[in-house]
């Protein structure tokens, strides 16, 4: 039980905070590797664990110095509910402070060090990061502008990196939803021209495609019913 409590306190809230950062942040965190996400989650756990210890110590009017004490508290169901809500609230607080306050200050601090070493500053958000932000498995089309705007690739986006255009993304081009792009009409939510490669990226949201497919299927079904009734 002690190990379970330790896992709840030390691991879970930080990863919840990381998920919130990826949801409300500018989108740069979506390009992180699994190891980097794990590292961020572990770092977010530090302030959450400290705040949890302080709040519980205030409630108990004495410092909590062992997991056995916390175990006795968690045997109370009303306390469990308050504890879970409190952990969620702390995760939201840490994520909010990181996105809107701490992140900018951390970048300024890092950039000041890089400036002293005559290194380029870290941009807050690269064009690639902004293009892929706030989307879940969007459909990506890549057009060759040097060849009359010919469609080169179409696929479901999985991962992006702002390092080089050649390592920009991983696409799944055999997804069963993709053929519908030639049947229904949806508008791209964003476009990005990569001048160095002579290519244009167009992003379509999966939810828009799903809605278009449903509307098309419903229209086709209504027309079939109308023809049947007419006959």
C-alpha atoms as a PDB file:
ATOM      1  CA  UNK A   1       0.000   0.000   0.000  1.00  0.00           C
ATOM      2  CA  UNK A   2       2.870   2.350   0.783  1.00  0.00           C
ATOM      3  CA  UNK A   3       4.287   1.898  -2.705  1.00  0.00           C
ATOM      4  CA  UNK A   4       0.861   2.583  -4.206  1.00  0.00           C
ATOM      5  CA  UNK A   5       0.521   5.784  -2.202  1.00  0.00           C
ATOM      6  CA  UNK A   6       4.021   6.813  -3.245  1.00  0.00           C
ATOM      7  CA  UNK A   7       3.094   6.233  -6.891  1.00  0.00           C
ATOM      8  CA  UNK A   8      -0.052   8.349  -6.575  1.00  0.00           C
ATOM      9  CA  UNK A   9       1.821  11.197  -4.880  1.00  0.00           C
ATOM     10  CA  UNK A  10       5.025  11.179  -6.906  1.00  0.00           C
ATOM     11  CA  UNK A  11       4.002  10.011 -10.383  1.00  0.00           C
ATOM     12  CA  UNK A  12       0.376  10.514 -11.366  1.00  0.00           C
ATOM     13  CA  UNK A  13      -0.198  14.251 -10.684  1.00  0.00           C
ATOM     14  CA  UNK A  14       2.860  15.297 -12.692  1.00  0.00           C
ATOM     15  CA  UNK A  15       1.728  13.375 -15.755  1.00  0.00           C
ATOM     16  CA  UNK A  16      -1.770  14.822 -15.394  1.00  0.00           C
ATOM     17  CA  UNK A  17      -0.152  18.272 -15.377  1.00  0.00           C
ATOM     18  CA  UNK A  18       1.831  17.342 -18.506  1.00  0.00           C
ATOM     19  CA  UNK A  19      -1.376  16.292 -20.284  1.00  0.00           C
ATOM     20  CA  UNK A  20      -2.972  19.610 -19.344  1.00  0.00           C
ATOM     21  CA  UNK A  21       0.064  21.527 -20.633  1.00  0.00           C
ATOM     22  CA  UNK A  22      -0.213  19.699 -23.963  1.00  0.00           C
ATOM     23  CA  UNK A  23      -3.913  20.632 -24.117  1.00  0.00           C
ATOM     24  CA  UNK A  24      -3.754  24.332 -23.230  1.00  0.00           C
ATOM     25  CA  UNK A  25      -0.180  25.130 -24.238  1.00  0.00           C
ATOM     26  CA  UNK A  26       1.012  26.559 -27.575  1.00  0.00           C
ATOM     27  CA  UNK A  27       1.716  23.098 -28.935  1.00  0.00           C
ATOM     28  CA  UNK A  28       5.508  22.806 -28.657  1.00  0.00           C
ATOM     29  CA  UNK A  29       5.199  20.021 -26.059  1.00  0.00           C
ATOM     30  CA  UNK A  30       3.464  17.848 -28.667  1.00  0.00           C
ATOM     31  CA  UNK A  31       6.797  17.473 -30.471  1.00  0.00           C
ATOM     32  CA  UNK A  32       8.572  16.033 -27.416  1.00  0.00           C
ATOM     33  CA  UNK A  33       9.778  12.450 -27.292  1.00  0.00           C
ATOM     34  CA  UNK A  34       8.364   9.982 -24.749  1.00  0.00           C
ATOM     35  CA  UNK A  35      11.521  10.351 -22.647  1.00  0.00           C
ATOM     36  CA  UNK A  36      11.186  14.153 -22.633  1.00  0.00           C
ATOM     37  CA  UNK A  37       7.509  13.883 -21.630  1.00  0.00           C
ATOM     38  CA  UNK A  38       8.495  11.563 -18.789  1.00  0.00           C
ATOM     39  CA  UNK A  39      11.141  14.038 -17.662  1.00  0.00           C
ATOM     40  CA  UNK A  40       8.671  16.932 -17.736  1.00  0.00           C
ATOM     41  CA  UNK A  41       6.124  14.872 -15.798  1.00  0.00           C
ATOM     42  CA  UNK A  42       8.727  14.038 -13.148  1.00  0.00           C
ATOM     43  CA  UNK A  43       9.707  17.705 -12.840  1.00  0.00           C
ATOM     44  CA  UNK A  44       6.066  18.791 -12.492  1.00  0.00           C
ATOM     45  CA  UNK A  45       5.718  16.278  -9.656  1.00  0.00           C
ATOM     46  CA  UNK A  46       8.182  18.201  -7.477  1.00  0.00           C
ATOM     47  CA  UNK A  47       6.063  21.345  -6.837  1.00  0.00           C
ATOM     48  CA  UNK A  48       2.869  19.262  -6.699  1.00  0.00           C
ATOM     49  CA  UNK A  49       4.335  16.950  -4.047  1.00  0.00           C
ATOM     50  CA  UNK A  50       5.602  19.913  -1.994  1.00  0.00           C
ATOM     51  CA  UNK A  51       2.252  21.722  -2.153  1.00  0.00           C
ATOM     52  CA  UNK A  52       0.423  18.497  -1.260  1.00  0.00           C
ATOM     53  CA  UNK A  53       2.656  17.966   1.771  1.00  0.00           C
ATOM     54  CA  UNK A  54       2.205  21.579   2.915  1.00  0.00           C
ATOM     55  CA  UNK A  55      -1.579  21.526   2.542  1.00  0.00           C
ATOM     56  CA  UNK A  56      -1.991  18.179   4.313  1.00  0.00           C
ATOM     57  CA  UNK A  57       0.340  19.282   7.107  1.00  0.00           C
ATOM     58  CA  UNK A  58      -1.750  22.422   7.609  1.00  0.00           C
ATOM     59  CA  UNK A  59      -4.950  20.363   7.714  1.00  0.00           C
ATOM     60  CA  UNK A  60      -3.412  17.988  10.287  1.00  0.00           C
ATOM     61  CA  UNK A  61      -1.818  20.902  12.175  1.00  0.00           C
ATOM     62  CA  UNK A  62       1.485  19.013  12.166  1.00  0.00           C
ATOM     63  CA  UNK A  63       3.980  17.869   9.487  1.00  0.00           C
ATOM     64  CA  UNK A  64       3.252  14.525   7.827  1.00  0.00           C
ATOM     65  CA  UNK A  65       6.482  12.559   8.088  1.00  0.00           C
ATOM     66  CA  UNK A  66       5.498   9.071   6.901  1.00  0.00           C
ATOM     67  CA  UNK A  67       3.323   7.262   4.396  1.00  0.00           C
ATOM     68  CA  UNK A  68       1.649   5.459   7.270  1.00  0.00           C
ATOM     69  CA  UNK A  69       0.114   8.745   8.394  1.00  0.00           C
ATOM     70  CA  UNK A  70      -1.121   9.434   4.868  1.00  0.00           C
ATOM     71  CA  UNK A  71      -2.405   5.861   4.668  1.00  0.00           C
ATOM     72  CA  UNK A  72      -4.562   6.396   7.725  1.00  0.00           C
ATOM     73  CA  UNK A  73      -5.978   9.559   6.183  1.00  0.00           C
ATOM     74  CA  UNK A  74      -6.786   7.807   2.900  1.00  0.00           C
ATOM     75  CA  UNK A  75      -8.875   5.204   4.742  1.00  0.00           C
ATOM     76  CA  UNK A  76     -11.566   7.905   4.955  1.00  0.00           C
ATOM     77  CA  UNK A  77     -13.666   7.991   1.754  1.00  0.00           C
ATOM     78  CA  UNK A  78     -14.683  11.684   2.022  1.00  0.00           C
ATOM     79  CA  UNK A  79     -10.999  12.541   2.465  1.00  0.00           C
ATOM     80  CA  UNK A  80     -10.156  10.422  -0.601  1.00  0.00           C
ATOM     81  CA  UNK A  81     -12.564  12.469  -2.729  1.00  0.00           C
ATOM     82  CA  UNK A  82     -11.154  15.765  -1.451  1.00  0.00           C
ATOM     83  CA  UNK A  83      -7.600  14.452  -1.931  1.00  0.00           C
ATOM     84  CA  UNK A  84      -8.259  13.405  -5.556  1.00  0.00           C
ATOM     85  CA  UNK A  85      -9.890  16.739  -6.383  1.00  0.00           C
ATOM     86  CA  UNK A  86      -7.031  18.551  -4.658  1.00  0.00           C
ATOM     87  CA  UNK A  87      -4.434  16.666  -6.725  1.00  0.00           C
ATOM     88  CA  UNK A  88      -6.320  17.509  -9.916  1.00  0.00           C
ATOM     89  CA  UNK A  89      -6.541  21.150  -8.847  1.00  0.00           C
ATOM     90  CA  UNK A  90      -2.804  21.295  -8.109  1.00  0.00           C
ATOM     91  CA  UNK A  91      -2.042  19.702 -11.487  1.00  0.00           C
ATOM     92  CA  UNK A  92      -4.158  22.365 -13.211  1.00  0.00           C
ATOM     93  CA  UNK A  93      -2.439  25.107 -11.174  1.00  0.00           C
ATOM     94  CA  UNK A  94       1.083  23.922 -12.016  1.00  0.00           C
ATOM     95  CA  UNK A  95       0.204  23.450 -15.699  1.00  0.00           C
ATOM     96  CA  UNK A  96      -1.393  26.913 -15.885  1.00  0.00           C
ATOM     97  CA  UNK A  97       1.560  28.590 -14.188  1.00  0.00           C
ATOM     98  CA  UNK A  98       3.990  26.796 -16.497  1.00  0.00           C
ATOM     99  CA  UNK A  99       2.170  27.763 -19.710  1.00  0.00           C
ATOM    100  CA  UNK A 100       1.454  31.391 -18.835  1.00  0.00           C
ATOM    101  CA  UNK A 101       4.243  32.368 -16.403  1.00  0.00           C
ATOM    102  CA  UNK A 102       7.115  30.007 -15.674  1.00  0.00           C
ATOM    103  CA  UNK A 103       7.785  28.886 -19.223  1.00  0.00           C
ATOM    104  CA  UNK A 104       8.436  32.401 -20.508  1.00  0.00           C
ATOM    105  CA  UNK A 105      10.685  33.206 -17.554  1.00  0.00           C
ATOM    106  CA  UNK A 106      12.581  29.944 -18.008  1.00  0.00           C
ATOM    107  CA  UNK A 107      13.109  30.715 -21.697  1.00  0.00           C
ATOM    108  CA  UNK A 108      14.414  34.205 -20.824  1.00  0.00           C
ATOM    109  CA  UNK A 109      16.824  32.677 -18.317  1.00  0.00           C
ATOM    110  CA  UNK A 110      18.047  30.051 -20.799  1.00  0.00           C
ATOM    111  CA  UNK A 111      18.369  32.656 -23.571  1.00  0.00           C
ATOM    112  CA  UNK A 112      20.411  34.926 -21.307  1.00  0.00           C
ATOM    113  CA  UNK A 113      22.871  32.073 -20.754  1.00  0.00           C
ATOM    114  CA  UNK A 114      22.957  31.259 -24.478  1.00  0.00           C
ATOM    115  CA  UNK A 115      23.585  34.923 -25.279  1.00  0.00           C
ATOM    116  CA  UNK A 116      26.651  34.962 -23.037  1.00  0.00           C
ATOM    117  CA  UNK A 117      27.945  31.923 -24.914  1.00  0.00           C
ATOM    118  CA  UNK A 118      27.209  33.592 -28.280  1.00  0.00           C
ATOM    119  CA  UNK A 119      24.536  31.004 -29.127  1.00  0.00           C
ATOM    120  CA  UNK A 120      21.220  31.760 -30.899  1.00  0.00           C
ATOM    121  CA  UNK A 121      18.164  32.269 -28.726  1.00  0.00           C
ATOM    122  CA  UNK A 122      15.462  29.640 -28.376  1.00  0.00           C
ATOM    123  CA  UNK A 123      12.285  30.663 -30.190  1.00  0.00           C
ATOM    124  CA  UNK A 124       9.083  30.424 -28.168  1.00  0.00           C
ATOM    125  CA  UNK A 125       7.314  28.550 -30.939  1.00  0.00           C
ATOM    126  CA  UNK A 126       8.519  27.461 -34.360  1.00  0.00           C
ATOM    127  CA  UNK A 127       6.196  27.636 -37.405  1.00  0.00           C
ATOM    128  CA  UNK A 128       6.020  23.831 -37.489  1.00  0.00           C
ATOM    129  CA  UNK A 129       4.911  23.735 -33.844  1.00  0.00           C
ATOM    130  CA  UNK A 130       2.170  26.294 -34.477  1.00  0.00           C
ATOM    131  CA  UNK A 131       1.006  24.412 -37.567  1.00  0.00           C
ATOM    132  CA  UNK A 132       0.585  21.098 -35.734  1.00  0.00           C
ATOM    133  CA  UNK A 133      -0.684  22.551 -32.441  1.00  0.00           C
ATOM    134  CA  UNK A 134      -4.015  21.583 -30.881  1.00  0.00           C
ATOM    135  CA  UNK A 135      -4.840  18.740 -33.268  1.00  0.00           C
ATOM    136  CA  UNK A 136      -5.332  15.037 -32.729  1.00  0.00           C
ATOM    137  CA  UNK A 137      -4.336  12.880 -35.706  1.00  0.00           C
ATOM    138  CA  UNK A 138      -5.070  15.504 -38.373  1.00  0.00           C
ATOM    139  CA  UNK A 139      -4.996  14.667 -42.086  1.00  0.00           C
ATOM    140  CA  UNK A 140      -1.931  16.195 -43.746  1.00  0.00           C
ATOM    141  CA  UNK A 141      -1.536  16.815 -47.477  1.00  0.00           C
ATOM    142  CA  UNK A 142       1.834  17.724 -49.000  1.00  0.00           C
ATOM    143  CA  UNK A 143       1.823  19.539 -52.338  1.00  0.00           C
ATOM    144  CA  UNK A 144       4.809  20.035 -54.661  1.00  0.00           C
ATOM    145  CA  UNK A 145       4.735  23.732 -55.622  1.00  0.00           C
ATOM    146  CA  UNK A 146       7.638  23.237 -58.021  1.00  0.00           C
ATOM    147  CA  UNK A 147       5.537  20.827 -60.063  1.00  0.00           C
ATOM    148  CA  UNK A 148       2.293  22.726 -60.502  1.00  0.00           C
ATOM    149  CA  UNK A 149       0.983  22.047 -57.001  1.00  0.00           C
ATOM    150  CA  UNK A 150       0.851  18.279 -57.452  1.00  0.00           C
ATOM    151  CA  UNK A 151      -0.341  16.261 -54.455  1.00  0.00           C
ATOM    152  CA  UNK A 152       2.674  14.278 -53.210  1.00  0.00           C
ATOM    153  CA  UNK A 153       1.499  12.697 -49.966  1.00  0.00           C
ATOM    154  CA  UNK A 154      -1.658  12.412 -47.930  1.00  0.00           C
ATOM    155  CA  UNK A 155      -1.770  10.723 -44.538  1.00  0.00           C
ATOM    156  CA  UNK A 156      -2.735  10.768 -40.882  1.00  0.00           C
ATOM    157  CA  UNK A 157      -0.173  12.779 -38.911  1.00  0.00           C
ATOM    158  CA  UNK A 158       1.471  11.125 -35.900  1.00  0.00           C
ATOM    159  CA  UNK A 159       4.584  13.034 -34.935  1.00  0.00           C
ATOM    160  CA  UNK A 160       6.416  16.223 -35.858  1.00  0.00           C
ATOM    161  CA  UNK A 161       9.846  17.667 -35.273  1.00  0.00           C
ATOM    162  CA  UNK A 162      11.021  21.186 -35.981  1.00  0.00           C
ATOM    163  CA  UNK A 163      14.610  20.044 -36.582  1.00  0.00           C
ATOM    164  CA  UNK A 164      14.544  19.633 -40.360  1.00  0.00           C
ATOM    165  CA  UNK A 165      11.858  19.356 -43.001  1.00  0.00           C
ATOM    166  CA  UNK A 166      13.092  15.867 -43.922  1.00  0.00           C
ATOM    167  CA  UNK A 167      12.280  14.694 -40.381  1.00  0.00           C
ATOM    168  CA  UNK A 168       9.104  16.684 -40.148  1.00  0.00           C
ATOM    169  CA  UNK A 169       6.480  14.010 -39.780  1.00  0.00           C
ATOM    170  CA  UNK A 170       5.391  10.396 -39.770  1.00  0.00           C
ATOM    171  CA  UNK A 171       2.266   9.751 -41.854  1.00  0.00           C
ATOM    172  CA  UNK A 172      -0.016   6.742 -42.136  1.00  0.00           C
ATOM    173  CA  UNK A 173      -1.069   6.722 -45.770  1.00  0.00           C
ATOM    174  CA  UNK A 174      -3.199   3.551 -45.736  1.00  0.00           C
ATOM    175  CA  UNK A 175      -5.816   4.777 -43.269  1.00  0.00           C
ATOM    176  CA  UNK A 176      -9.337   3.812 -44.482  1.00  0.00           C
ATOM    177  CA  UNK A 177     -10.580   7.374 -43.941  1.00  0.00           C
ATOM    178  CA  UNK A 178      -8.237   8.889 -46.501  1.00  0.00           C
ATOM    179  CA  UNK A 179     -10.090   7.832 -49.714  1.00  0.00           C
ATOM    180  CA  UNK A 180     -13.027   9.917 -48.472  1.00  0.00           C
ATOM    181  CA  UNK A 181     -10.928  13.040 -49.060  1.00  0.00           C
ATOM    182  CA  UNK A 182     -11.596  12.567 -52.805  1.00  0.00           C
ATOM    183  CA  UNK A 183     -15.348  12.180 -52.237  1.00  0.00           C
ATOM    184  CA  UNK A 184     -16.325  14.808 -49.663  1.00  0.00           C
ATOM    185  CA  UNK A 185     -15.236  18.441 -49.497  1.00  0.00           C
ATOM    186  CA  UNK A 186     -13.688  19.954 -46.375  1.00  0.00           C
ATOM    187  CA  UNK A 187     -11.572  23.055 -45.925  1.00  0.00           C
ATOM    188  CA  UNK A 188      -8.037  22.947 -44.504  1.00  0.00           C
ATOM    189  CA  UNK A 189      -7.729  24.542 -41.097  1.00  0.00           C
ATOM    190  CA  UNK A 190      -4.120  25.648 -41.733  1.00  0.00           C
ATOM    191  CA  UNK A 191      -1.609  25.932 -44.561  1.00  0.00           C
ATOM    192  CA  UNK A 192       2.165  26.138 -44.335  1.00  0.00           C
ATOM    193  CA  UNK A 193       4.532  26.848 -47.226  1.00  0.00           C
ATOM    194  CA  UNK A 194       8.070  25.509 -46.838  1.00  0.00           C
ATOM    195  CA  UNK A 195      10.013  27.786 -49.149  1.00  0.00           C
ATOM    196  CA  UNK A 196      13.269  25.829 -48.931  1.00  0.00           C
ATOM    197  CA  UNK A 197      11.573  22.625 -50.155  1.00  0.00           C
ATOM    198  CA  UNK A 198       9.042  24.216 -52.478  1.00  0.00           C
ATOM    199  CA  UNK A 199       6.212  22.384 -50.736  1.00  0.00           C
ATOM    200  CA  UNK A 200       2.937  23.339 -49.118  1.00  0.00           C
ATOM    201  CA  UNK A 201       1.368  21.573 -46.152  1.00  0.00           C
ATOM    202  CA  UNK A 202      -2.384  21.554 -45.648  1.00  0.00           C
ATOM    203  CA  UNK A 203      -3.935  20.377 -42.405  1.00  0.00           C
ATOM    204  CA  UNK A 204      -7.458  18.998 -42.109  1.00  0.00           C
ATOM    205  CA  UNK A 205      -9.072  18.065 -38.803  1.00  0.00           C
ATOM    206  CA  UNK A 206     -10.218  14.468 -38.411  1.00  0.00           C
ATOM    207  CA  UNK A 207     -13.463  15.612 -36.788  1.00  0.00           C
ATOM    208  CA  UNK A 208     -14.313  17.698 -39.882  1.00  0.00           C
ATOM    209  CA  UNK A 209     -13.742  14.692 -42.129  1.00  0.00           C
ATOM    210  CA  UNK A 210     -15.892  12.495 -39.898  1.00  0.00           C
ATOM    211  CA  UNK A 211     -18.715  15.049 -39.984  1.00  0.00           C
ATOM    212  CA  UNK A 212     -18.470  15.347 -43.767  1.00  0.00           C
ATOM    213  CA  UNK A 213     -18.600  11.553 -44.161  1.00  0.00           C
ATOM    214  CA  UNK A 214     -21.680  11.310 -41.927  1.00  0.00           C
ATOM    215  CA  UNK A 215     -23.444  14.104 -43.831  1.00  0.00           C
ATOM    216  CA  UNK A 216     -22.595  12.502 -47.165  1.00  0.00           C
ATOM    217  CA  UNK A 217     -23.786   9.071 -46.021  1.00  0.00           C
ATOM    218  CA  UNK A 218     -27.010  10.556 -44.671  1.00  0.00           C
ATOM    219  CA  UNK A 219     -27.641  12.393 -47.953  1.00  0.00           C
ATOM    220  CA  UNK A 220     -27.010   9.237 -49.970  1.00  0.00           C
ATOM    221  CA  UNK A 221     -29.348   7.260 -47.715  1.00  0.00           C
ATOM    222  CA  UNK A 222     -32.111   9.887 -48.056  1.00  0.00           C
ATOM    223  CA  UNK A 223     -31.758   9.866 -51.854  1.00  0.00           C
ATOM    224  CA  UNK A 224     -32.016   6.058 -51.938  1.00  0.00           C
ATOM    225  CA  UNK A 225     -35.185   6.197 -49.815  1.00  0.00           C
ATOM    226  CA  UNK A 226     -36.637   8.867 -52.082  1.00  0.00           C
ATOM    227  CA  UNK A 227     -35.932   6.787 -55.199  1.00  0.00           C
ATOM    228  CA  UNK A 228     -37.445   3.697 -53.581  1.00  0.00           C
ATOM    229  CA  UNK A 229     -40.612   5.571 -52.631  1.00  0.00           C
ATOM    230  CA  UNK A 230     -40.857   7.089 -56.100  1.00  0.00           C
ATOM    231  CA  UNK A 231     -40.544   3.673 -57.744  1.00  0.00           C
END
